[in-house]
Amino acid sequence: MSTDLYTNSFSDKGFFVKSRKLATPADATYNIIRVPRYAFVDSVWLWLTTAYTLGTATLQLGWFGNGETAVVTGFMDTDVSEPLVVGIKRAQRSTILTFEGKYFNAAGGAITLTTDDDGGTSGTMFVFAHYWVIQ
């Protein structure tokens, strides 16, 4: 006979969030989407509507919070964001530091965007995220 270890942690509260329009942002890191405690972020997308102008530009999506050290490329590094190419890009595991999801179990936090146009012109973009709050 097996021992029951069923969970009582469920979620019926899914949220789909869109950032503000980020039009040619200056080189910096921006906190763009708040994430509450007990949220599991399962998808992050970047919609680049206007491309960057220099091939040396960088664009990364990461996170901070949860009582941990911030990870600038926590969701998307420059290889995935492709700042010179317009379109919708989805977070995927492309390096050891880039992940599709994140669980904020200890504290809330935020999704961040870090950009450096390297002397060219930054693009225009939106970021979308889907997360579940697990009760």
Protein backbone atom coordinates (compact mmCIF):
# COMPACT_ATOMS: atom_id res chain seq x y z
CA MET A 1 0.00 0.00 0.00
CA SER A 2 1.31 3.47 -0.84
CA THR A 3 1.31 6.56 1.34
CA ASP A 4 -0.76 9.53 0.20
CA LEU A 5 1.19 12.76 -0.22
CA TYR A 6 -1.38 14.74 -2.18
CA THR A 7 -0.97 18.48 -2.48
CA ASN A 8 -3.36 21.15 -1.30
CA SER A 9 -1.62 23.86 -3.33
CA PHE A 10 -3.77 24.74 -6.34
CA SER A 11 -4.20 27.64 -8.68
CA ASP A 12 -7.16 28.90 -10.63
CA LYS A 13 -5.70 32.41 -10.81
CA GLY A 14 -3.77 32.81 -14.03
CA PHE A 15 -2.66 36.25 -15.15
CA PHE A 16 -1.47 37.46 -18.55
CA VAL A 17 0.34 40.80 -18.26
CA LYS A 18 1.63 43.29 -20.84
CA SER A 19 4.31 45.87 -20.07
CA ARG A 20 4.11 49.50 -21.04
CA LYS A 21 5.33 50.39 -24.51
CA LEU A 22 9.10 50.81 -24.26
CA ALA A 23 10.05 53.20 -27.06
CA THR A 24 13.81 53.65 -27.58
CA PRO A 25 14.69 53.23 -23.89
CA ALA A 26 18.01 54.61 -22.64
CA ASP A 27 20.75 52.14 -21.66
CA ALA A 28 19.65 50.82 -18.24
CA THR A 29 17.80 48.08 -16.39
CA TYR A 30 14.05 48.61 -16.01
CA ASN A 31 11.58 46.89 -13.68
CA ILE A 32 8.69 46.31 -16.05
CA ILE A 33 6.25 43.71 -14.62
CA ARG A 34 5.54 43.10 -10.93
CA VAL A 35 5.34 39.49 -9.84
CA PRO A 36 3.60 38.62 -6.55
CA ARG A 37 4.75 36.09 -3.99
CA TYR A 38 3.64 32.51 -4.76
CA ALA A 39 3.53 33.24 -8.49
CA PHE A 40 4.95 30.77 -10.97
CA VAL A 41 5.98 32.56 -14.17
CA ASP A 42 5.62 30.00 -16.94
CA SER A 43 6.09 32.12 -20.07
CA VAL A 44 7.71 35.41 -21.06
CA TRP A 45 7.60 36.96 -24.54
CA LEU A 46 9.29 39.96 -26.13
CA TRP A 47 7.48 41.72 -28.96
CA LEU A 48 10.01 43.90 -30.78
CA THR A 49 8.07 46.25 -33.07
CA THR A 50 11.06 48.40 -34.14
CA ALA A 51 14.54 46.88 -34.34
CA TYR A 52 17.75 48.20 -32.83
CA THR A 53 20.22 49.72 -35.31
CA LEU A 54 23.59 48.24 -34.28
CA GLY A 55 24.56 44.57 -34.24
CA THR A 56 26.46 45.03 -30.98
CA ALA A 57 23.32 46.08 -29.05
CA THR A 58 22.14 43.89 -26.16
CA LEU A 59 18.62 43.23 -24.89
CA GLN A 60 17.91 40.90 -21.97
CA LEU A 61 14.90 39.92 -19.86
CA GLY A 62 15.53 38.85 -16.31
CA TRP A 63 14.11 39.01 -12.82
CA PHE A 64 14.81 40.17 -9.29
CA GLY A 65 13.24 39.36 -5.94
CA ASN A 66 12.33 36.14 -4.14
CA GLY A 67 15.18 36.85 -1.68
CA GLU A 68 17.73 35.89 -4.34
CA THR A 69 20.39 37.65 -6.37
CA ALA A 70 18.93 39.23 -9.51
CA VAL A 71 19.54 37.42 -12.81
CA VAL A 72 19.72 39.84 -15.77
CA THR A 73 19.27 37.02 -18.30
CA GLY A 74 16.87 35.03 -16.15
CA PHE A 75 14.34 34.72 -18.97
CA MET A 76 16.00 35.82 -22.20
CA ASP A 77 19.50 36.68 -23.31
CA THR A 78 20.53 38.68 -26.39
CA ASP A 79 20.88 35.53 -28.51
CA VAL A 80 17.15 34.87 -28.05
CA SER A 81 15.90 38.49 -28.06
CA GLU A 82 17.68 39.24 -31.36
CA PRO A 83 17.47 43.04 -31.06
CA LEU A 84 18.05 43.54 -34.81
CA VAL A 85 15.02 41.42 -35.78
CA VAL A 86 11.42 42.55 -35.27
CA GLY A 87 8.86 39.99 -34.13
CA ILE A 88 7.73 38.03 -31.10
CA LYS A 89 10.34 36.00 -29.24
CA ARG A 90 9.63 33.58 -26.38
CA ALA A 91 11.86 32.82 -23.41
CA GLN A 92 13.63 29.51 -23.80
CA ARG A 93 16.61 27.78 -22.29
CA SER A 94 19.50 28.94 -24.43
CA THR A 95 22.22 29.15 -21.79
CA ILE A 96 22.71 27.86 -18.29
CA LEU A 97 21.32 31.16 -16.94
CA THR A 98 18.31 31.54 -19.27
CA PHE A 99 15.12 29.77 -18.20
CA GLU A 100 11.54 29.51 -19.32
CA GLY A 101 10.02 29.87 -15.83
CA LYS A 102 10.54 31.05 -12.26
CA TYR A 103 8.72 30.39 -8.99
CA PHE A 104 8.57 33.33 -6.57
CA ASN A 105 7.92 31.31 -3.41
CA ALA A 106 9.81 33.36 -0.78
CA ALA A 107 8.85 36.89 -1.87
CA GLY A 108 7.52 38.87 -4.79
CA GLY A 109 9.71 40.48 -7.39
CA ALA A 110 9.69 41.77 -10.93
CA ILE A 111 10.55 40.95 -14.49
CA THR A 112 13.32 43.23 -15.71
CA LEU A 113 14.52 44.47 -19.08
CA THR A 114 18.18 45.44 -19.57
CA THR A 115 19.11 47.27 -22.73
CA ASP A 116 22.28 48.72 -24.22
CA ASP A 117 22.07 50.18 -27.75
CA ASP A 118 25.90 50.48 -27.84
CA GLY A 119 25.74 53.91 -29.45
CA GLY A 120 23.00 53.11 -31.98
CA THR A 121 19.27 53.51 -31.52
CA SER A 122 17.17 51.27 -29.27
CA GLY A 123 14.06 49.67 -30.64
CA THR A 124 10.44 49.77 -29.53
CA MET A 125 8.99 46.82 -27.65
CA PHE A 126 6.46 45.28 -25.29
CA VAL A 127 6.99 42.39 -22.88
CA PHE A 128 4.28 39.87 -22.01
CA ALA A 129 4.26 37.41 -19.13
CA HIS A 130 1.96 34.62 -18.02
CA TYR A 131 1.95 33.49 -14.41
CA TRP A 132 -0.14 31.53 -11.94
CA VAL A 133 -0.59 32.43 -8.28
CA ILE A 134 -0.59 29.18 -6.32
CA GLN A 135 -2.60 29.25 -3.09
